[in-house]
């Protein structure tokens, strides 16, 4: 983890095994910045979903990385999750929540919906071969 002027960043292998490292990284940063435990848990869950998607789908058949830049601006935490994998804009993905019972629903497909539920803003940009998903969480 590298110290930055108003935040921190981390780069890890794009694997499921790195999710706890990412979770610890964001917990330390948010705790230090004064976010309450509920907000920290929500961001951890959103970040876990986003990074799991990168680990599972962004780099099929090859190794890759996930780079996260986390900055606190006043009451806002801004996270930028970057990868050089297959272009994918989760902000255009719509989730049709089935009316079926939970046991009858297909497995998967709710991660992007959960991310939207746990953060206040979500935006995406693909530039110079890089996916950049920005998540914003308000401390208030």
C-alpha atoms as a PDB file:
ATOM      1  CA  UNK A   1       0.000   0.000   0.000  1.00  0.00           C
ATOM      2  CA  UNK A   2       1.452   3.349  -1.049  1.00  0.00           C
ATOM      3  CA  UNK A   3       0.677   6.572   0.783  1.00  0.00           C
ATOM      4  CA  UNK A   4      -0.747   9.336  -1.388  1.00  0.00           C
ATOM      5  CA  UNK A   5      -1.553  12.986  -0.720  1.00  0.00           C
ATOM      6  CA  UNK A   6      -5.173  12.314   0.194  1.00  0.00           C
ATOM      7  CA  UNK A   7      -5.540   8.576  -0.180  1.00  0.00           C
ATOM      8  CA  UNK A   8      -3.929   5.261  -0.879  1.00  0.00           C
ATOM      9  CA  UNK A   9      -3.581   2.727  -3.658  1.00  0.00           C
ATOM     10  CA  UNK A  10      -2.972  -0.966  -4.014  1.00  0.00           C
ATOM     11  CA  UNK A  11      -2.278  -3.326  -6.904  1.00  0.00           C
ATOM     12  CA  UNK A  12      -2.954  -7.059  -6.554  1.00  0.00           C
ATOM     13  CA  UNK A  13      -3.202 -10.074  -8.808  1.00  0.00           C
ATOM     14  CA  UNK A  14      -6.681 -10.415 -10.302  1.00  0.00           C
ATOM     15  CA  UNK A  15      -7.543 -13.530  -8.315  1.00  0.00           C
ATOM     16  CA  UNK A  16     -10.259 -14.439  -5.848  1.00  0.00           C
ATOM     17  CA  UNK A  17      -7.524 -15.132  -3.279  1.00  0.00           C
ATOM     18  CA  UNK A  18      -6.673 -11.402  -3.209  1.00  0.00           C
ATOM     19  CA  UNK A  19     -10.181 -10.317  -2.159  1.00  0.00           C
ATOM     20  CA  UNK A  20      -9.321 -10.440   1.601  1.00  0.00           C
ATOM     21  CA  UNK A  21      -6.256  -8.253   0.933  1.00  0.00           C
ATOM     22  CA  UNK A  22      -8.457  -5.704  -0.842  1.00  0.00           C
ATOM     23  CA  UNK A  23     -11.047  -5.886   1.951  1.00  0.00           C
ATOM     24  CA  UNK A  24      -8.397  -5.267   4.642  1.00  0.00           C
ATOM     25  CA  UNK A  25      -6.967  -2.375   2.612  1.00  0.00           C
ATOM     26  CA  UNK A  26     -10.312  -0.563   2.401  1.00  0.00           C
ATOM     27  CA  UNK A  27     -11.218  -1.296   6.029  1.00  0.00           C
ATOM     28  CA  UNK A  28      -7.985   0.294   7.275  1.00  0.00           C
ATOM     29  CA  UNK A  29      -8.383   3.346   5.062  1.00  0.00           C
ATOM     30  CA  UNK A  30     -12.039   3.927   5.915  1.00  0.00           C
ATOM     31  CA  UNK A  31     -11.504   3.354   9.654  1.00  0.00           C
ATOM     32  CA  UNK A  32      -8.658   5.866   9.658  1.00  0.00           C
ATOM     33  CA  UNK A  33     -10.893   8.345   7.780  1.00  0.00           C
ATOM     34  CA  UNK A  34     -13.664   7.979  10.394  1.00  0.00           C
ATOM     35  CA  UNK A  35     -16.292   5.990   8.477  1.00  0.00           C
ATOM     36  CA  UNK A  36     -18.619   3.926  10.672  1.00  0.00           C
ATOM     37  CA  UNK A  37     -18.586   0.124  10.601  1.00  0.00           C
ATOM     38  CA  UNK A  38     -21.814  -0.126   8.572  1.00  0.00           C
ATOM     39  CA  UNK A  39     -20.457   2.098   5.786  1.00  0.00           C
ATOM     40  CA  UNK A  40     -17.178   0.164   5.822  1.00  0.00           C
ATOM     41  CA  UNK A  41     -19.013  -3.155   5.459  1.00  0.00           C
ATOM     42  CA  UNK A  42     -21.129  -1.811   2.591  1.00  0.00           C
ATOM     43  CA  UNK A  43     -18.070  -0.610   0.690  1.00  0.00           C
ATOM     44  CA  UNK A  44     -16.243  -3.880   1.391  1.00  0.00           C
ATOM     45  CA  UNK A  45     -19.169  -5.816  -0.098  1.00  0.00           C
ATOM     46  CA  UNK A  46     -19.384  -3.556  -3.158  1.00  0.00           C
ATOM     47  CA  UNK A  47     -15.627  -3.744  -3.691  1.00  0.00           C
ATOM     48  CA  UNK A  48     -15.668  -7.525  -3.234  1.00  0.00           C
ATOM     49  CA  UNK A  49     -18.359  -7.869  -5.904  1.00  0.00           C
ATOM     50  CA  UNK A  50     -16.544  -5.589  -8.362  1.00  0.00           C
ATOM     51  CA  UNK A  51     -13.154  -7.237  -7.853  1.00  0.00           C
ATOM     52  CA  UNK A  52     -14.644 -10.748  -8.009  1.00  0.00           C
ATOM     53  CA  UNK A  53     -16.082  -9.869 -11.418  1.00  0.00           C
ATOM     54  CA  UNK A  54     -12.655  -8.696 -12.593  1.00  0.00           C
ATOM     55  CA  UNK A  55     -10.989 -11.832 -11.201  1.00  0.00           C
ATOM     56  CA  UNK A  56     -13.512 -14.158 -12.847  1.00  0.00           C
ATOM     57  CA  UNK A  57     -14.112 -12.494 -16.203  1.00  0.00           C
ATOM     58  CA  UNK A  58     -11.629  -9.752 -17.155  1.00  0.00           C
ATOM     59  CA  UNK A  59      -8.600 -11.889 -17.964  1.00  0.00           C
ATOM     60  CA  UNK A  60      -9.782 -15.239 -19.386  1.00  0.00           C
ATOM     61  CA  UNK A  61      -6.874 -17.652 -19.637  1.00  0.00           C
ATOM     62  CA  UNK A  62      -4.220 -15.151 -18.602  1.00  0.00           C
ATOM     63  CA  UNK A  63      -2.862 -13.349 -15.553  1.00  0.00           C
ATOM     64  CA  UNK A  64      -3.869  -9.791 -14.794  1.00  0.00           C
ATOM     65  CA  UNK A  65      -3.996  -7.193 -12.057  1.00  0.00           C
ATOM     66  CA  UNK A  66      -6.499  -5.065 -10.202  1.00  0.00           C
ATOM     67  CA  UNK A  67      -5.363  -1.571  -9.252  1.00  0.00           C
ATOM     68  CA  UNK A  68      -7.408   0.376  -6.701  1.00  0.00           C
ATOM     69  CA  UNK A  69      -7.021   4.066  -5.958  1.00  0.00           C
ATOM     70  CA  UNK A  70      -8.872   5.204  -2.815  1.00  0.00           C
ATOM     71  CA  UNK A  71      -9.191   8.849  -1.875  1.00  0.00           C
ATOM     72  CA  UNK A  72     -11.157  10.660   0.802  1.00  0.00           C
ATOM     73  CA  UNK A  73     -12.436  14.125  -0.137  1.00  0.00           C
ATOM     74  CA  UNK A  74     -14.274  15.637   2.819  1.00  0.00           C
ATOM     75  CA  UNK A  75     -17.162  13.258   3.507  1.00  0.00           C
ATOM     76  CA  UNK A  76     -16.694  11.290   0.275  1.00  0.00           C
ATOM     77  CA  UNK A  77     -14.703   8.134  -0.317  1.00  0.00           C
ATOM     78  CA  UNK A  78     -13.838   7.777  -4.000  1.00  0.00           C
ATOM     79  CA  UNK A  79     -12.630   4.370  -5.211  1.00  0.00           C
ATOM     80  CA  UNK A  80     -11.315   3.764  -8.702  1.00  0.00           C
ATOM     81  CA  UNK A  81     -10.987   0.093  -9.634  1.00  0.00           C
ATOM     82  CA  UNK A  82      -8.795  -0.363 -12.701  1.00  0.00           C
ATOM     83  CA  UNK A  83      -7.941  -3.355 -14.861  1.00  0.00           C
ATOM     84  CA  UNK A  84      -6.601  -4.012 -18.359  1.00  0.00           C
ATOM     85  CA  UNK A  85      -8.978  -6.881 -19.028  1.00  0.00           C
ATOM     86  CA  UNK A  86     -11.854  -7.291 -21.440  1.00  0.00           C
ATOM     87  CA  UNK A  87     -13.828  -4.021 -21.699  1.00  0.00           C
ATOM     88  CA  UNK A  88     -17.010  -4.202 -19.606  1.00  0.00           C
ATOM     89  CA  UNK A  89     -19.191  -1.326 -18.440  1.00  0.00           C
ATOM     90  CA  UNK A  90     -21.230  -2.480 -15.435  1.00  0.00           C
ATOM     91  CA  UNK A  91     -23.177   0.787 -15.378  1.00  0.00           C
ATOM     92  CA  UNK A  92     -25.027  -0.280 -18.544  1.00  0.00           C
ATOM     93  CA  UNK A  93     -25.863  -3.712 -17.131  1.00  0.00           C
ATOM     94  CA  UNK A  94     -29.488  -3.976 -16.081  1.00  0.00           C
ATOM     95  CA  UNK A  95     -30.612  -6.536 -13.561  1.00  0.00           C
ATOM     96  CA  UNK A  96     -34.022  -8.102 -13.897  1.00  0.00           C
ATOM     97  CA  UNK A  97     -34.840  -9.210 -10.403  1.00  0.00           C
ATOM     98  CA  UNK A  98     -36.956 -12.298 -10.725  1.00  0.00           C
ATOM     99  CA  UNK A  99     -40.208 -12.590  -8.855  1.00  0.00           C
ATOM    100  CA  UNK A 100     -39.409 -16.274  -8.371  1.00  0.00           C
ATOM    101  CA  UNK A 101     -38.560 -17.643  -4.966  1.00  0.00           C
ATOM    102  CA  UNK A 102     -34.903 -17.372  -4.012  1.00  0.00           C
ATOM    103  CA  UNK A 103     -34.446 -21.138  -4.464  1.00  0.00           C
ATOM    104  CA  UNK A 104     -35.723 -20.889  -8.067  1.00  0.00           C
ATOM    105  CA  UNK A 105     -33.543 -17.951  -9.148  1.00  0.00           C
ATOM    106  CA  UNK A 106     -30.428 -18.609 -11.220  1.00  0.00           C
ATOM    107  CA  UNK A 107     -27.125 -18.386  -9.340  1.00  0.00           C
ATOM    108  CA  UNK A 108     -25.185 -15.178  -9.937  1.00  0.00           C
ATOM    109  CA  UNK A 109     -26.093 -12.003 -11.749  1.00  0.00           C
ATOM    110  CA  UNK A 110     -26.863  -9.891  -8.687  1.00  0.00           C
ATOM    111  CA  UNK A 111     -23.348  -8.532  -8.054  1.00  0.00           C
ATOM    112  CA  UNK A 112     -23.800  -5.323 -10.041  1.00  0.00           C
ATOM    113  CA  UNK A 113     -27.182  -4.760  -8.383  1.00  0.00           C
ATOM    114  CA  UNK A 114     -25.533  -5.164  -4.958  1.00  0.00           C
ATOM    115  CA  UNK A 115     -22.785  -2.706  -5.866  1.00  0.00           C
ATOM    116  CA  UNK A 116     -25.436  -0.123  -6.775  1.00  0.00           C
ATOM    117  CA  UNK A 117     -27.199  -0.751  -3.449  1.00  0.00           C
ATOM    118  CA  UNK A 118     -24.069  -0.263  -1.341  1.00  0.00           C
ATOM    119  CA  UNK A 119     -22.554   2.873  -2.897  1.00  0.00           C
ATOM    120  CA  UNK A 120     -23.929   6.340  -3.567  1.00  0.00           C
ATOM    121  CA  UNK A 121     -22.515   6.745  -7.077  1.00  0.00           C
ATOM    122  CA  UNK A 122     -21.089   4.441  -9.727  1.00  0.00           C
ATOM    123  CA  UNK A 123     -19.510   5.460 -13.034  1.00  0.00           C
ATOM    124  CA  UNK A 124     -17.359   3.784 -15.675  1.00  0.00           C
ATOM    125  CA  UNK A 125     -14.778   4.797 -18.230  1.00  0.00           C
ATOM    126  CA  UNK A 126     -12.771   2.738 -20.735  1.00  0.00           C
ATOM    127  CA  UNK A 127      -9.701   4.562 -22.002  1.00  0.00           C
ATOM    128  CA  UNK A 128      -6.305   3.521 -23.320  1.00  0.00           C
ATOM    129  CA  UNK A 129      -7.152  -0.161 -22.925  1.00  0.00           C
ATOM    130  CA  UNK A 130      -8.143   0.215 -19.279  1.00  0.00           C
ATOM    131  CA  UNK A 131     -11.453  -0.335 -17.464  1.00  0.00           C
ATOM    132  CA  UNK A 132     -11.963   2.202 -14.661  1.00  0.00           C
ATOM    133  CA  UNK A 133     -14.965   1.739 -12.379  1.00  0.00           C
ATOM    134  CA  UNK A 134     -15.478   4.599  -9.928  1.00  0.00           C
ATOM    135  CA  UNK A 135     -17.481   4.045  -6.740  1.00  0.00           C
ATOM    136  CA  UNK A 136     -18.379   6.874  -4.345  1.00  0.00           C
ATOM    137  CA  UNK A 137     -19.564   6.483  -0.759  1.00  0.00           C
ATOM    138  CA  UNK A 138     -20.710   9.361   1.439  1.00  0.00           C
ATOM    139  CA  UNK A 139     -19.717   9.257   5.113  1.00  0.00           C
ATOM    140  CA  UNK A 140     -22.945  11.060   6.125  1.00  0.00           C
END
